[in-house]
Amino acid sequence: MRLVGVATLILMATKLCLGVSEWTGCINPVDNTGTNYRARTRASAILKSAGVKLKFTGDESSCAAFGNGIVLVLSYKTAADEHPGALAYAMPYQGTHVVLFYDRVLGSATPPGVPYLLGHVLAHEITHILQGVERHSASGLMKSKWDYRDYVEMQRRPLGFTDDDLSLIRRGLEYRASGRGSSIVRGSEVR
């Protein structure tokens, strides 16, 4: 697999209150095209609904200073045998890496739908890292495989989290904030 383009996403706990965590983060965008800007905006909106705040910046060195980094690697020429059928995968057991198959995302949606799909894939994988678990839901953002209806819905409004998804995000953030580590289980992918 040829991986090109590395972005860093840093998450830093600012406070915990009433079981909802507010996190601030930054990402070093690979490029600032309209598509990628809209995708980052969609990912931010999705995660905001779970009490997670992302701040985007282009300065990777300032992001690295926060610690708790999530490294996003974009693959532009993904080998067919690399996680066949997946659009991305996270390594929540490791707590810091997401690989997004950018070429597959581009091939999975019409041009107007790409930013919505890309934003959802990014939010899905960041959620795995935040939860620290390898788990998918029967519906919503954290489904293991989205269907046609999900792709259409993504363009209308963001796919939501189940109550279990939100609970796992809170537990994962509390676990990180406790200083015990950044992960709980093993890797995961979205198709």
Protein backbone atom coordinates (compact mmCIF):
# COMPACT_ATOMS: atom_id res chain seq x y z
CA MET A 1 0.00 0.00 0.00
CA ARG A 2 1.28 3.47 -0.86
CA LEU A 3 0.45 5.98 1.84
CA VAL A 4 0.81 9.65 1.13
CA GLY A 5 -0.04 12.62 3.25
CA VAL A 6 0.03 12.62 7.00
CA ALA A 7 -2.15 14.81 9.14
CA THR A 8 -2.04 15.02 12.91
CA LEU A 9 -5.14 15.33 15.05
CA ILE A 10 -4.50 16.27 18.64
CA LEU A 11 -7.10 15.93 21.37
CA MET A 12 -6.65 17.62 24.72
CA ALA A 13 -9.12 17.42 27.58
CA THR A 14 -10.30 20.82 28.72
CA LYS A 15 -12.86 19.71 31.30
CA LEU A 16 -15.25 16.97 32.32
CA CYS A 17 -18.70 17.93 33.56
CA LEU A 18 -21.98 16.07 33.94
CA GLY A 19 -20.50 13.09 32.12
CA VAL A 20 -19.99 15.05 28.89
CA SER A 21 -16.46 15.79 27.79
CA GLU A 22 -15.37 18.82 25.85
CA TRP A 23 -12.23 18.25 23.85
CA THR A 24 -10.25 20.60 21.71
CA GLY A 25 -8.16 19.29 18.88
CA CYS A 26 -6.25 20.31 15.84
CA ILE A 27 -5.54 18.68 12.53
CA ASN A 28 -2.92 19.47 9.97
CA PRO A 29 -4.90 19.37 6.73
CA VAL A 30 -3.26 17.67 3.78
CA ASP A 31 -4.82 20.27 1.51
CA ASN A 32 -7.44 22.94 1.85
CA THR A 33 -9.66 22.17 -1.12
CA GLY A 34 -13.35 22.93 -0.79
CA THR A 35 -14.09 19.21 -0.59
CA ASN A 36 -11.71 18.62 2.29
CA TYR A 37 -12.81 21.79 4.08
CA ARG A 38 -16.47 20.71 3.89
CA ALA A 39 -15.51 17.20 5.06
CA ARG A 40 -13.68 18.59 8.11
CA THR A 41 -16.67 20.84 8.83
CA ARG A 42 -19.04 17.84 8.65
CA ALA A 43 -16.77 15.72 10.89
CA SER A 44 -16.62 18.57 13.42
CA ALA A 45 -20.42 18.92 13.43
CA ILE A 46 -20.91 15.20 13.94
CA LEU A 47 -18.47 15.01 16.83
CA LYS A 48 -19.84 18.22 18.36
CA SER A 49 -23.16 16.39 18.77
CA ALA A 50 -21.27 14.00 21.09
CA GLY A 51 -19.64 16.77 23.11
CA VAL A 52 -16.34 16.64 21.22
CA LYS A 53 -14.96 19.88 19.85
CA LEU A 54 -12.36 19.86 17.09
CA LYS A 55 -10.22 22.84 16.19
CA PHE A 56 -8.46 22.67 12.82
CA THR A 57 -5.07 24.20 12.23
CA GLY A 58 -2.37 23.77 9.62
CA ASP A 59 0.53 23.79 12.07
CA GLU A 60 1.51 20.20 12.81
CA SER A 61 4.26 21.26 15.23
CA SER A 62 1.81 23.13 17.46
CA CYS A 63 -0.52 20.13 17.40
CA ALA A 64 2.29 17.79 18.46
CA ALA A 65 2.89 19.91 21.55
CA PHE A 66 -0.52 18.95 22.98
CA GLY A 67 0.18 15.21 23.16
CA ASN A 68 -2.67 12.68 22.72
CA GLY A 69 -2.13 12.87 18.96
CA ILE A 70 -4.17 11.07 16.36
CA VAL A 71 -2.22 10.62 13.16
CA LEU A 72 -4.36 10.55 10.03
CA VAL A 73 -2.70 8.93 7.03
CA LEU A 74 -4.36 9.36 3.65
CA SER A 75 -3.83 6.66 1.05
CA TYR A 76 -4.26 7.84 -2.54
CA LYS A 77 -3.37 4.53 -4.24
CA THR A 78 -4.66 1.78 -1.99
CA ALA A 79 -3.78 -1.80 -2.90
CA ALA A 80 -6.83 -4.00 -3.53
CA ASP A 81 -5.71 -6.46 -0.85
CA GLU A 82 -5.36 -3.74 1.82
CA HIS A 83 -8.46 -4.05 4.00
CA PRO A 84 -10.64 -5.05 1.01
CA GLY A 85 -13.83 -3.01 0.76
CA ALA A 86 -12.94 -0.69 3.65
CA LEU A 87 -12.94 3.10 3.29
CA ALA A 88 -10.69 3.54 6.34
CA TYR A 89 -9.55 1.87 9.51
CA ALA A 90 -8.56 2.99 12.98
CA MET A 91 -6.29 1.42 15.54
CA PRO A 92 -8.10 2.21 18.80
CA TYR A 93 -6.04 -0.37 20.69
CA GLN A 94 -3.01 1.72 19.82
CA GLY A 95 -4.89 4.98 20.29
CA THR A 96 -3.28 7.24 17.73
CA HIS A 97 -3.57 6.05 14.11
CA VAL A 98 -6.24 6.26 11.42
CA VAL A 99 -5.70 5.29 7.79
CA LEU A 100 -8.22 6.77 5.36
CA PHE A 101 -8.37 5.29 1.85
CA TYR A 102 -8.96 8.59 0.06
CA ASP A 103 -9.05 6.98 -3.37
CA ARG A 104 -11.81 4.58 -2.25
CA VAL A 105 -13.85 7.40 -0.74
CA LEU A 106 -13.62 9.32 -4.02
CA GLY A 107 -14.79 6.21 -5.88
CA SER A 108 -17.68 5.51 -3.51
CA ALA A 109 -19.71 8.68 -3.95
CA THR A 110 -20.73 11.13 -6.64
CA PRO A 111 -18.61 14.31 -6.65
CA PRO A 112 -21.24 16.34 -4.73
CA GLY A 113 -21.49 13.55 -2.14
CA VAL A 114 -17.75 13.15 -1.51
CA PRO A 115 -17.41 15.80 1.24
CA TYR A 116 -20.31 14.28 3.17
CA LEU A 117 -18.94 10.75 2.91
CA LEU A 118 -15.40 11.88 3.71
CA GLY A 119 -16.63 13.78 6.77
CA HIS A 120 -18.56 10.76 8.00
CA VAL A 121 -15.61 8.41 7.47
CA LEU A 122 -13.33 10.77 9.35
CA ALA A 123 -15.82 11.17 12.23
CA HIS A 124 -16.40 7.39 12.34
CA GLU A 125 -12.69 6.61 12.67
CA ILE A 126 -12.01 9.41 15.17
CA THR A 127 -14.88 8.01 17.23
CA HIS A 128 -13.20 4.58 17.29
CA ILE A 129 -10.05 6.23 18.62
CA LEU A 130 -12.00 8.21 21.23
CA GLN A 131 -13.99 5.15 22.33
CA GLY A 132 -10.89 2.99 22.41
CA VAL A 133 -12.88 -0.05 21.29
CA GLU A 134 -13.49 -2.19 18.23
CA ARG A 135 -17.27 -2.05 18.03
CA HIS A 136 -19.91 -1.12 15.49
CA SER A 137 -23.58 -0.21 15.90
CA ALA A 138 -26.61 -1.55 14.08
CA SER A 139 -27.46 1.97 12.88
CA GLY A 140 -26.08 5.47 12.47
CA LEU A 141 -22.55 6.74 12.13
CA MET A 142 -20.93 3.73 13.75
CA LYS A 143 -22.41 1.07 11.43
CA SER A 144 -19.72 -1.20 10.00
CA LYS A 145 -21.13 -0.92 6.47
CA TRP A 146 -23.28 1.93 5.26
CA ASP A 147 -25.96 1.22 2.66
CA TYR A 148 -27.48 3.37 -0.08
CA ARG A 149 -29.99 4.95 2.32
CA ASP A 150 -27.16 5.95 4.66
CA TYR A 151 -25.26 7.60 1.78
CA VAL A 152 -28.39 9.57 0.81
CA GLU A 153 -29.06 10.53 4.44
CA MET A 154 -25.46 11.77 4.89
CA GLN A 155 -26.16 14.47 2.32
CA ARG A 156 -29.33 15.60 4.11
CA ARG A 157 -27.99 15.61 7.65
CA PRO A 158 -25.26 13.88 9.65
CA LEU A 159 -25.77 10.28 10.69
CA GLY A 160 -26.24 10.13 14.44
CA PHE A 161 -24.80 8.23 17.35
CA THR A 162 -26.70 5.57 19.27
CA ASP A 163 -26.95 5.90 23.06
CA ASP A 164 -24.35 3.11 23.34
CA ASP A 165 -22.00 5.02 21.00
CA LEU A 166 -22.28 8.14 23.18
CA SER A 167 -21.71 6.13 26.34
CA LEU A 168 -18.57 4.56 24.87
CA ILE A 169 -17.26 7.98 23.79
CA ARG A 170 -17.72 9.29 27.34
CA ARG A 171 -16.05 6.21 28.84
CA GLY A 172 -13.17 6.42 26.38
CA LEU A 173 -12.62 10.11 27.05
CA GLU A 174 -12.77 9.56 30.81
CA TYR A 175 -10.27 6.72 30.43
CA ARG A 176 -7.89 8.98 28.49
CA ALA A 177 -8.36 11.84 30.97
CA SER A 178 -7.53 9.50 33.86
CA GLY A 179 -4.02 9.08 32.46
CA ARG A 180 -4.34 5.29 32.24
CA GLY A 181 -3.88 5.26 28.50
CA SER A 182 -5.57 5.94 25.22
CA SER A 183 -7.22 2.69 24.29
CA ILE A 184 -9.16 -0.30 25.52
CA VAL A 185 -9.44 -2.94 22.75
CA ARG A 186 -8.27 -3.61 19.10
CA GLY A 187 -8.45 -2.07 15.58
CA SER A 188 -11.51 -1.37 13.49
CA GLU A 189 -12.54 -0.37 9.96
CA VAL A 190 -15.53 1.12 8.18
CA ARG A 191 -16.88 -0.07 4.81
